[in-house]
Amino acid sequence: MRLRFLLQPGWLALTLVVWVFAGACFTLLAPWQFHRDTERDAQNNAVTSSLRTDPVPVATLLDRPNAEVEWRRVTLTGRYLPEGQAVARLRTVQGEAAFEVLTPFRLAEGPVVLVDRGYVRPVNGIKVPDLDPVPTGDVTLVALARRDESDDRDAFQEDAHRQVYAVNSAVVGRAAGLDLRPGYFQLTEGQPGVTEALPLPKLDAGPFFSYALQWIAFGAMALGGWLYFTVREIRPGGALRKDAGTTRVRRKSVAEQLAEDEAAPTR
């Protein structure tokens, strides 16, 4: 039967690779890029809306999920708790290395939240510089609500500073012995205690949608190629058919015989 070649080990291995790759393109890689495109669109809308609306008291957002209120502008009134301060290491701001300064802040209403005071550049490329002291007494801040980063590794002490791997209120609170509310608040330019304010994210769509279409195209091309070669092998003369080599040898022998006949002397 012409379909026996489908059971050959080499063809089975090729079929497995093609279908696994195409399945990954359609069910994992393309959806992942579509999801990132949706996230970027939601972030752009949230940032744009935040810039166009007045800040609201932070108390109105504390009991809402961080994902719902991210990038909202809020006002916070209270005092810094510098004894709980930490710096987030291994950061990049505008293409250069940086540390982000994280300081707990006790609200006038009582809860303690984490404030990201901005960034500082490292000394000699690796060390935390001397940090400016925070204002004492009660202050009012305008900040952007943010979600915690996912890295949950514990803080450690280095260069006389408590350091963390991510901006995560649970990690800072655990190290400082404080009960911090989930999420954190990123200071805007000109606020009391800000170092260098972190820039807002770029408001562009990004390449994610086109990447998703590319993965769909790659999966379709893989399946199309597999189908093309399958049809070619089913037809007579396929390279994987058992009689293909025999046929080629038979034709060659006939050609040689004709050549010999022409070369033979005539009588």
C-alpha atoms as a PDB file:
ATOM      1  CA  MET A   1       0.000   0.000   0.000  1.00  0.00           C
ATOM      2  CA  ARG A   2       1.199   3.516  -0.732  1.00  0.00           C
ATOM      3  CA  LEU A   3       0.362   4.649   2.800  1.00  0.00           C
ATOM      4  CA  ARG A   4       2.816   2.244   4.443  1.00  0.00           C
ATOM      5  CA  PHE A   5       5.512   4.907   4.402  1.00  0.00           C
ATOM      6  CA  LEU A   6       3.504   6.785   7.078  1.00  0.00           C
ATOM      7  CA  LEU A   7       4.497   4.043   9.539  1.00  0.00           C
ATOM      8  CA  GLN A   8       8.227   4.330   8.915  1.00  0.00           C
ATOM      9  CA  PRO A   9      10.156   5.551  12.011  1.00  0.00           C
ATOM     10  CA  GLY A  10      11.651   8.550  10.231  1.00  0.00           C
ATOM     11  CA  TRP A  11       8.285   9.734   8.966  1.00  0.00           C
ATOM     12  CA  LEU A  12       6.634   9.178  12.351  1.00  0.00           C
ATOM     13  CA  ALA A  13       9.353  11.255  14.029  1.00  0.00           C
ATOM     14  CA  LEU A  14       8.929  14.043  11.460  1.00  0.00           C
ATOM     15  CA  THR A  15       5.153  13.991  11.899  1.00  0.00           C
ATOM     16  CA  LEU A  16       5.474  14.191  15.680  1.00  0.00           C
ATOM     17  CA  VAL A  17       7.854  17.177  15.507  1.00  0.00           C
ATOM     18  CA  VAL A  18       5.666  19.043  13.015  1.00  0.00           C
ATOM     19  CA  TRP A  19       2.418  18.530  14.925  1.00  0.00           C
ATOM     20  CA  VAL A  20       3.936  19.336  18.306  1.00  0.00           C
ATOM     21  CA  PHE A  21       5.461  22.528  16.910  1.00  0.00           C
ATOM     22  CA  ALA A  22       2.221  23.562  15.200  1.00  0.00           C
ATOM     23  CA  GLY A  23       0.219  22.765  18.329  1.00  0.00           C
ATOM     24  CA  ALA A  24       2.571  24.910  20.403  1.00  0.00           C
ATOM     25  CA  CYS A  25       2.214  27.769  17.914  1.00  0.00           C
ATOM     26  CA  PHE A  26      -1.585  27.659  17.970  1.00  0.00           C
ATOM     27  CA  THR A  27      -2.243  26.879  21.651  1.00  0.00           C
ATOM     28  CA  LEU A  28       0.711  28.414  23.528  1.00  0.00           C
ATOM     29  CA  LEU A  29       2.872  30.894  21.652  1.00  0.00           C
ATOM     30  CA  ALA A  30       0.257  32.823  19.687  1.00  0.00           C
ATOM     31  CA  PRO A  31      -2.208  33.057  22.640  1.00  0.00           C
ATOM     32  CA  TRP A  32       0.665  34.176  24.880  1.00  0.00           C
ATOM     33  CA  GLN A  33       1.458  37.059  22.510  1.00  0.00           C
ATOM     34  CA  PHE A  34      -2.245  37.944  22.172  1.00  0.00           C
ATOM     35  CA  HIS A  35      -2.446  38.041  25.981  1.00  0.00           C
ATOM     36  CA  ARG A  36       0.573  40.331  26.188  1.00  0.00           C
ATOM     37  CA  ASP A  37      -1.001  42.588  23.569  1.00  0.00           C
ATOM     38  CA  THR A  38      -4.189  42.751  25.649  1.00  0.00           C
ATOM     39  CA  GLU A  39      -2.178  43.562  28.780  1.00  0.00           C
ATOM     40  CA  ARG A  40      -0.276  46.332  26.984  1.00  0.00           C
ATOM     41  CA  ASP A  41      -3.527  47.811  25.682  1.00  0.00           C
ATOM     42  CA  ALA A  42      -5.047  47.744  29.172  1.00  0.00           C
ATOM     43  CA  GLN A  43      -1.915  49.376  30.624  1.00  0.00           C
ATOM     44  CA  ASN A  44      -1.938  52.131  28.017  1.00  0.00           C
ATOM     45  CA  ASN A  45      -5.596  52.849  28.694  1.00  0.00           C
ATOM     46  CA  ALA A  46      -5.021  52.887  32.461  1.00  0.00           C
ATOM     47  CA  VAL A  47      -2.039  55.252  32.237  1.00  0.00           C
ATOM     48  CA  THR A  48      -3.860  57.585  29.826  1.00  0.00           C
ATOM     49  CA  SER A  49      -6.948  57.649  32.042  1.00  0.00           C
ATOM     50  CA  SER A  50      -4.810  58.316  35.114  1.00  0.00           C
ATOM     51  CA  LEU A  51      -3.154  61.324  33.527  1.00  0.00           C
ATOM     52  CA  ARG A  52      -6.524  62.797  32.583  1.00  0.00           C
ATOM     53  CA  THR A  53      -8.250  62.401  35.968  1.00  0.00           C
ATOM     54  CA  ASP A  54      -7.675  63.954  39.369  1.00  0.00           C
ATOM     55  CA  PRO A  55      -6.051  61.831  42.093  1.00  0.00           C
ATOM     56  CA  VAL A  56      -8.385  60.123  44.574  1.00  0.00           C
ATOM     57  CA  PRO A  57      -7.779  59.413  48.293  1.00  0.00           C
ATOM     58  CA  VAL A  58      -5.875  56.178  48.710  1.00  0.00           C
ATOM     59  CA  ALA A  59      -8.409  54.900  51.229  1.00  0.00           C
ATOM     60  CA  THR A  60     -10.925  54.463  48.413  1.00  0.00           C
ATOM     61  CA  LEU A  61      -8.655  51.916  46.707  1.00  0.00           C
ATOM     62  CA  LEU A  62      -7.082  49.935  49.539  1.00  0.00           C
ATOM     63  CA  ASP A  63      -9.756  47.246  49.630  1.00  0.00           C
ATOM     64  CA  ARG A  64      -9.939  46.776  45.864  1.00  0.00           C
ATOM     65  CA  PRO A  65      -7.805  44.259  43.931  1.00  0.00           C
ATOM     66  CA  ASN A  66      -4.517  45.757  42.776  1.00  0.00           C
ATOM     67  CA  ALA A  67      -5.169  44.688  39.187  1.00  0.00           C
ATOM     68  CA  GLU A  68      -8.297  46.865  39.057  1.00  0.00           C
ATOM     69  CA  VAL A  69      -6.651  50.052  40.299  1.00  0.00           C
ATOM     70  CA  GLU A  70      -3.156  49.871  38.846  1.00  0.00           C
ATOM     71  CA  TRP A  71      -1.880  53.198  37.505  1.00  0.00           C
ATOM     72  CA  ARG A  72      -4.629  55.165  39.268  1.00  0.00           C
ATOM     73  CA  ARG A  73      -3.370  58.436  40.748  1.00  0.00           C
ATOM     74  CA  VAL A  74      -3.952  58.658  44.488  1.00  0.00           C
ATOM     75  CA  THR A  75      -3.179  60.975  47.383  1.00  0.00           C
ATOM     76  CA  LEU A  76      -1.587  59.641  50.546  1.00  0.00           C
ATOM     77  CA  THR A  77      -1.303  61.555  53.817  1.00  0.00           C
ATOM     78  CA  GLY A  78       0.903  60.233  56.595  1.00  0.00           C
ATOM     79  CA  ARG A  79       4.552  59.810  57.496  1.00  0.00           C
ATOM     80  CA  TYR A  80       7.506  57.842  56.203  1.00  0.00           C
ATOM     81  CA  LEU A  81       8.953  54.951  58.231  1.00  0.00           C
ATOM     82  CA  PRO A  82      12.623  55.084  57.203  1.00  0.00           C
ATOM     83  CA  GLU A  83      13.618  52.245  59.544  1.00  0.00           C
ATOM     84  CA  GLY A  84      11.801  49.847  57.213  1.00  0.00           C
ATOM     85  CA  GLN A  85      13.430  51.135  54.035  1.00  0.00           C
ATOM     86  CA  ALA A  86      14.893  48.821  51.381  1.00  0.00           C
ATOM     87  CA  VAL A  87      16.352  49.159  47.900  1.00  0.00           C
ATOM     88  CA  ALA A  88      15.397  46.997  44.927  1.00  0.00           C
ATOM     89  CA  ARG A  89      18.510  45.814  43.115  1.00  0.00           C
ATOM     90  CA  LEU A  90      19.205  44.758  39.525  1.00  0.00           C
ATOM     91  CA  ARG A  91      16.897  47.368  38.028  1.00  0.00           C
ATOM     92  CA  THR A  92      17.170  49.125  34.677  1.00  0.00           C
ATOM     93  CA  VAL A  93      15.824  52.635  34.125  1.00  0.00           C
ATOM     94  CA  GLN A  94      16.132  54.243  30.698  1.00  0.00           C
ATOM     95  CA  GLY A  95      18.662  51.611  29.688  1.00  0.00           C
ATOM     96  CA  GLU A  96      21.017  52.098  32.650  1.00  0.00           C
ATOM     97  CA  ALA A  97      21.508  50.262  35.942  1.00  0.00           C
ATOM     98  CA  ALA A  98      19.619  51.612  38.938  1.00  0.00           C
ATOM     99  CA  PHE A  99      18.352  50.897  42.436  1.00  0.00           C
ATOM    100  CA  GLU A 100      14.762  51.707  43.378  1.00  0.00           C
ATOM    101  CA  VAL A 101      14.204  53.148  46.856  1.00  0.00           C
ATOM    102  CA  LEU A 102      11.315  51.565  48.769  1.00  0.00           C
ATOM    103  CA  THR A 103      10.096  53.137  51.996  1.00  0.00           C
ATOM    104  CA  PRO A 104       7.098  52.101  54.131  1.00  0.00           C
ATOM    105  CA  PHE A 105       4.580  54.867  54.728  1.00  0.00           C
ATOM    106  CA  ARG A 106       2.049  54.940  57.569  1.00  0.00           C
ATOM    107  CA  LEU A 107      -1.208  56.536  56.480  1.00  0.00           C
ATOM    108  CA  ALA A 108      -3.050  58.925  58.747  1.00  0.00           C
ATOM    109  CA  GLU A 109      -5.873  56.384  58.771  1.00  0.00           C
ATOM    110  CA  GLY A 110      -3.538  53.751  60.254  1.00  0.00           C
ATOM    111  CA  PRO A 111      -2.585  51.221  57.517  1.00  0.00           C
ATOM    112  CA  VAL A 112       1.004  50.995  56.332  1.00  0.00           C
ATOM    113  CA  VAL A 113       1.751  50.944  52.603  1.00  0.00           C
ATOM    114  CA  LEU A 114       4.911  50.722  50.523  1.00  0.00           C
ATOM    115  CA  VAL A 115       6.068  53.797  48.590  1.00  0.00           C
ATOM    116  CA  ASP A 116       8.513  53.569  45.693  1.00  0.00           C
ATOM    117  CA  ARG A 117      10.416  56.859  45.975  1.00  0.00           C
ATOM    118  CA  GLY A 118      12.092  56.485  42.592  1.00  0.00           C
ATOM    119  CA  TYR A 119      15.549  55.421  41.553  1.00  0.00           C
ATOM    120  CA  VAL A 120      19.215  56.197  42.180  1.00  0.00           C
ATOM    121  CA  ARG A 121      22.230  55.273  40.086  1.00  0.00           C
ATOM    122  CA  PRO A 122      24.787  52.855  41.556  1.00  0.00           C
ATOM    123  CA  VAL A 123      28.235  53.984  42.663  1.00  0.00           C
ATOM    124  CA  ASN A 124      31.040  52.345  40.673  1.00  0.00           C
ATOM    125  CA  GLY A 125      28.374  50.394  38.858  1.00  0.00           C
ATOM    126  CA  ILE A 126      27.500  48.107  41.774  1.00  0.00           C
ATOM    127  CA  LYS A 127      27.089  49.871  45.137  1.00  0.00           C
ATOM    128  CA  VAL A 128      24.119  51.693  46.592  1.00  0.00           C
ATOM    129  CA  PRO A 129      24.879  55.421  46.976  1.00  0.00           C
ATOM    130  CA  ASP A 130      24.087  57.451  50.061  1.00  0.00           C
ATOM    131  CA  LEU A 131      20.344  58.038  50.100  1.00  0.00           C
ATOM    132  CA  ASP A 132      18.719  61.353  50.888  1.00  0.00           C
ATOM    133  CA  PRO A 133      16.760  61.276  54.149  1.00  0.00           C
ATOM    134  CA  VAL A 134      12.996  61.262  53.930  1.00  0.00           C
ATOM    135  CA  PRO A 135      10.949  64.206  55.218  1.00  0.00           C
ATOM    136  CA  THR A 136       9.953  63.983  58.851  1.00  0.00           C
ATOM    137  CA  GLY A 137       6.436  64.497  60.096  1.00  0.00           C
ATOM    138  CA  ASP A 138       3.226  64.250  58.117  1.00  0.00           C
ATOM    139  CA  VAL A 139       3.319  64.815  54.366  1.00  0.00           C
ATOM    140  CA  THR A 140       0.855  64.461  51.521  1.00  0.00           C
ATOM    141  CA  LEU A 141       1.947  62.567  48.422  1.00  0.00           C
ATOM    142  CA  VAL A 142       0.598  62.007  44.938  1.00  0.00           C
ATOM    143  CA  ALA A 143       1.498  58.581  43.588  1.00  0.00           C
ATOM    144  CA  LEU A 144       0.484  55.893  41.129  1.00  0.00           C
ATOM    145  CA  ALA A 145      -1.015  52.652  42.433  1.00  0.00           C
ATOM    146  CA  ARG A 146       0.980  49.609  41.303  1.00  0.00           C
ATOM    147  CA  ARG A 147       0.794  45.847  41.628  1.00  0.00           C
ATOM    148  CA  ASP A 148       3.456  43.921  43.522  1.00  0.00           C
ATOM    149  CA  GLU A 149       6.091  42.172  41.458  1.00  0.00           C
ATOM    150  CA  SER A 150       6.017  38.404  41.728  1.00  0.00           C
ATOM    151  CA  ASP A 151       9.542  37.641  43.007  1.00  0.00           C
ATOM    152  CA  ASP A 152       9.126  36.543  46.644  1.00  0.00           C
ATOM    153  CA  ARG A 153      12.779  36.008  47.598  1.00  0.00           C
ATOM    154  CA  ASP A 154      13.721  37.288  51.046  1.00  0.00           C
ATOM    155  CA  ALA A 155      15.576  40.542  51.630  1.00  0.00           C
ATOM    156  CA  PHE A 156      19.232  40.604  52.659  1.00  0.00           C
ATOM    157  CA  GLN A 157      21.712  43.120  54.040  1.00  0.00           C
ATOM    158  CA  GLU A 158      24.547  44.448  51.879  1.00  0.00           C
ATOM    159  CA  ASP A 159      26.521  47.728  51.808  1.00  0.00           C
ATOM    160  CA  ALA A 160      24.652  48.862  54.935  1.00  0.00           C
ATOM    161  CA  HIS A 161      21.328  48.680  53.077  1.00  0.00           C
ATOM    162  CA  ARG A 162      18.462  46.226  53.148  1.00  0.00           C
ATOM    163  CA  GLN A 163      18.140  44.941  49.588  1.00  0.00           C
ATOM    164  CA  VAL A 164      15.409  43.034  47.749  1.00  0.00           C
ATOM    165  CA  TYR A 165      15.139  41.475  44.315  1.00  0.00           C
ATOM    166  CA  ALA A 166      11.716  42.910  43.452  1.00  0.00           C
ATOM    167  CA  VAL A 167       9.294  45.641  44.422  1.00  0.00           C
ATOM    168  CA  ASN A 168       7.094  43.465  46.603  1.00  0.00           C
ATOM    169  CA  SER A 169       5.333  44.799  49.690  1.00  0.00           C
ATOM    170  CA  ALA A 170       5.194  41.374  51.362  1.00  0.00           C
ATOM    171  CA  VAL A 171       8.972  40.933  51.101  1.00  0.00           C
ATOM    172  CA  VAL A 172       9.731  44.423  52.448  1.00  0.00           C
ATOM    173  CA  GLY A 173       7.158  44.052  55.202  1.00  0.00           C
ATOM    174  CA  ARG A 174       8.532  40.672  56.231  1.00  0.00           C
ATOM    175  CA  ALA A 175      12.067  42.059  56.470  1.00  0.00           C
ATOM    176  CA  ALA A 176      11.002  45.211  58.339  1.00  0.00           C
ATOM    177  CA  GLY A 177       8.531  43.508  60.666  1.00  0.00           C
ATOM    178  CA  LEU A 178       5.650  45.596  59.303  1.00  0.00           C
ATOM    179  CA  ASP A 179       2.203  44.604  58.101  1.00  0.00           C
ATOM    180  CA  LEU A 180       2.168  46.286  54.686  1.00  0.00           C
ATOM    181  CA  ARG A 181      -0.927  46.414  52.515  1.00  0.00           C
ATOM    182  CA  PRO A 182      -0.590  44.589  49.160  1.00  0.00           C
ATOM    183  CA  GLY A 183       0.703  46.621  46.239  1.00  0.00           C
ATOM    184  CA  TYR A 184       2.828  49.743  46.313  1.00  0.00           C
ATOM    185  CA  PHE A 185       2.664  53.398  45.290  1.00  0.00           C
ATOM    186  CA  GLN A 186       5.075  54.990  42.821  1.00  0.00           C
ATOM    187  CA  LEU A 187       5.832  58.639  43.509  1.00  0.00           C
ATOM    188  CA  THR A 188       5.456  61.178  40.735  1.00  0.00           C
ATOM    189  CA  GLU A 189       7.812  64.066  40.007  1.00  0.00           C
ATOM    190  CA  GLY A 190       8.182  66.760  42.678  1.00  0.00           C
ATOM    191  CA  GLN A 191       6.655  64.844  45.600  1.00  0.00           C
ATOM    192  CA  PRO A 192       8.141  65.002  49.127  1.00  0.00           C
ATOM    193  CA  GLY A 193      10.806  62.330  49.466  1.00  0.00           C
ATOM    194  CA  VAL A 194      11.099  61.469  45.777  1.00  0.00           C
ATOM    195  CA  THR A 195      14.614  60.744  44.486  1.00  0.00           C
ATOM    196  CA  GLU A 196      14.510  60.499  40.683  1.00  0.00           C
ATOM    197  CA  ALA A 197      10.929  59.802  39.634  1.00  0.00           C
ATOM    198  CA  LEU A 198      10.476  56.656  37.571  1.00  0.00           C
ATOM    199  CA  PRO A 199       9.359  57.360  33.992  1.00  0.00           C
ATOM    200  CA  LEU A 200       5.947  56.263  32.824  1.00  0.00           C
ATOM    201  CA  PRO A 201       5.804  53.284  30.461  1.00  0.00           C
ATOM    202  CA  LYS A 202       5.816  53.971  26.743  1.00  0.00           C
ATOM    203  CA  LEU A 203       2.313  54.272  25.396  1.00  0.00           C
ATOM    204  CA  ASP A 204       2.716  52.214  22.240  1.00  0.00           C
ATOM    205  CA  ALA A 205       1.049  48.999  21.179  1.00  0.00           C
ATOM    206  CA  GLY A 206       4.278  47.052  21.003  1.00  0.00           C
ATOM    207  CA  PRO A 207       5.054  44.135  18.659  1.00  0.00           C
ATOM    208  CA  PHE A 208       2.967  41.509  20.449  1.00  0.00           C
ATOM    209  CA  PHE A 209       0.048  41.343  17.998  1.00  0.00           C
ATOM    210  CA  SER A 210       2.353  40.939  15.002  1.00  0.00           C
ATOM    211  CA  TYR A 211       4.351  38.302  16.910  1.00  0.00           C
ATOM    212  CA  ALA A 212       1.134  36.369  17.517  1.00  0.00           C
ATOM    213  CA  LEU A 213       0.303  36.434  13.802  1.00  0.00           C
ATOM    214  CA  GLN A 214       3.821  35.258  13.011  1.00  0.00           C
ATOM    215  CA  TRP A 215       3.467  32.235  15.296  1.00  0.00           C
ATOM    216  CA  ILE A 216       0.159  31.358  13.629  1.00  0.00           C
ATOM    217  CA  ALA A 217       1.854  31.644  10.236  1.00  0.00           C
ATOM    218  CA  PHE A 218       4.763  29.435  11.350  1.00  0.00           C
ATOM    219  CA  GLY A 219       2.350  26.764  12.580  1.00  0.00           C
ATOM    220  CA  ALA A 220       0.345  26.901   9.352  1.00  0.00           C
ATOM    221  CA  MET A 221       3.506  26.667   7.225  1.00  0.00           C
ATOM    222  CA  ALA A 222       4.715  23.651   9.201  1.00  0.00           C
ATOM    223  CA  LEU A 223       1.414  21.841   8.667  1.00  0.00           C
ATOM    224  CA  GLY A 224       1.301  22.908   5.014  1.00  0.00           C
ATOM    225  CA  GLY A 225       4.797  21.584   4.427  1.00  0.00           C
ATOM    226  CA  TRP A 226       3.974  18.294   6.128  1.00  0.00           C
ATOM    227  CA  LEU A 227       0.803  17.933   4.010  1.00  0.00           C
ATOM    228  CA  TYR A 228       2.705  18.733   0.806  1.00  0.00           C
ATOM    229  CA  PHE A 229       5.346  16.085   1.410  1.00  0.00           C
ATOM    230  CA  THR A 230       2.719  13.579   2.512  1.00  0.00           C
ATOM    231  CA  VAL A 231       0.811  13.991  -0.756  1.00  0.00           C
ATOM    232  CA  ARG A 232       4.038  13.800  -2.734  1.00  0.00           C
ATOM    233  CA  GLU A 233       4.959  10.510  -1.102  1.00  0.00           C
ATOM    234  CA  ILE A 234       1.500   9.028  -1.684  1.00  0.00           C
ATOM    235  CA  ARG A 235       1.840   9.605  -5.434  1.00  0.00           C
ATOM    236  CA  PRO A 236       3.880   7.167  -7.566  1.00  0.00           C
ATOM    237  CA  GLY A 237       7.602   7.709  -7.413  1.00  0.00           C
ATOM    238  CA  GLY A 238       7.736   8.956  -3.808  1.00  0.00           C
ATOM    239  CA  ALA A 239      11.215   8.843  -2.343  1.00  0.00           C
ATOM    240  CA  LEU A 240      10.148   6.793   0.691  1.00  0.00           C
ATOM    241  CA  ARG A 241       8.311   4.047  -1.224  1.00  0.00           C
ATOM    242  CA  LYS A 242      10.037   0.662  -1.115  1.00  0.00           C
ATOM    243  CA  ASP A 243       9.904   0.211  -4.876  1.00  0.00           C
ATOM    244  CA  ALA A 244      11.264   3.683  -5.654  1.00  0.00           C
ATOM    245  CA  GLY A 245      14.901   2.574  -5.691  1.00  0.00           C
ATOM    246  CA  THR A 246      14.083  -0.501  -7.732  1.00  0.00           C
ATOM    247  CA  THR A 247      12.280   1.600 -10.299  1.00  0.00           C
ATOM    248  CA  ARG A 248      15.217   3.928 -10.664  1.00  0.00           C
ATOM    249  CA  VAL A 249      17.636   1.007 -11.075  1.00  0.00           C
ATOM    250  CA  ARG A 250      15.404  -0.647 -13.709  1.00  0.00           C
ATOM    251  CA  ARG A 251      15.254   2.539 -15.774  1.00  0.00           C
ATOM    252  CA  LYS A 252      18.972   2.961 -15.579  1.00  0.00           C
ATOM    253  CA  SER A 253      19.574  -0.554 -16.791  1.00  0.00           C
ATOM    254  CA  VAL A 254      17.316  -0.053 -19.826  1.00  0.00           C
ATOM    255  CA  ALA A 255      19.173   3.133 -20.717  1.00  0.00           C
ATOM    256  CA  GLU A 256      22.486   1.376 -20.503  1.00  0.00           C
ATOM    257  CA  GLN A 257      21.174  -1.417 -22.685  1.00  0.00           C
ATOM    258  CA  LEU A 258      20.082   1.053 -25.361  1.00  0.00           C
ATOM    259  CA  ALA A 259      23.482   2.671 -25.294  1.00  0.00           C
ATOM    260  CA  GLU A 260      25.149  -0.661 -25.719  1.00  0.00           C
ATOM    261  CA  ASP A 261      22.870  -1.509 -28.650  1.00  0.00           C
ATOM    262  CA  GLU A 262      23.749   1.713 -30.417  1.00  0.00           C
ATOM    263  CA  ALA A 263      27.443   1.139 -29.870  1.00  0.00           C
ATOM    264  CA  ALA A 264      27.314  -2.422 -31.139  1.00  0.00           C
ATOM    265  CA  PRO A 265      28.574  -2.868 -34.757  1.00  0.00           C
ATOM    266  CA  THR A 266      25.909  -3.526 -37.330  1.00  0.00           C
ATOM    267  CA  ARG A 267      26.127  -6.521 -39.638  1.00  0.00           C
END
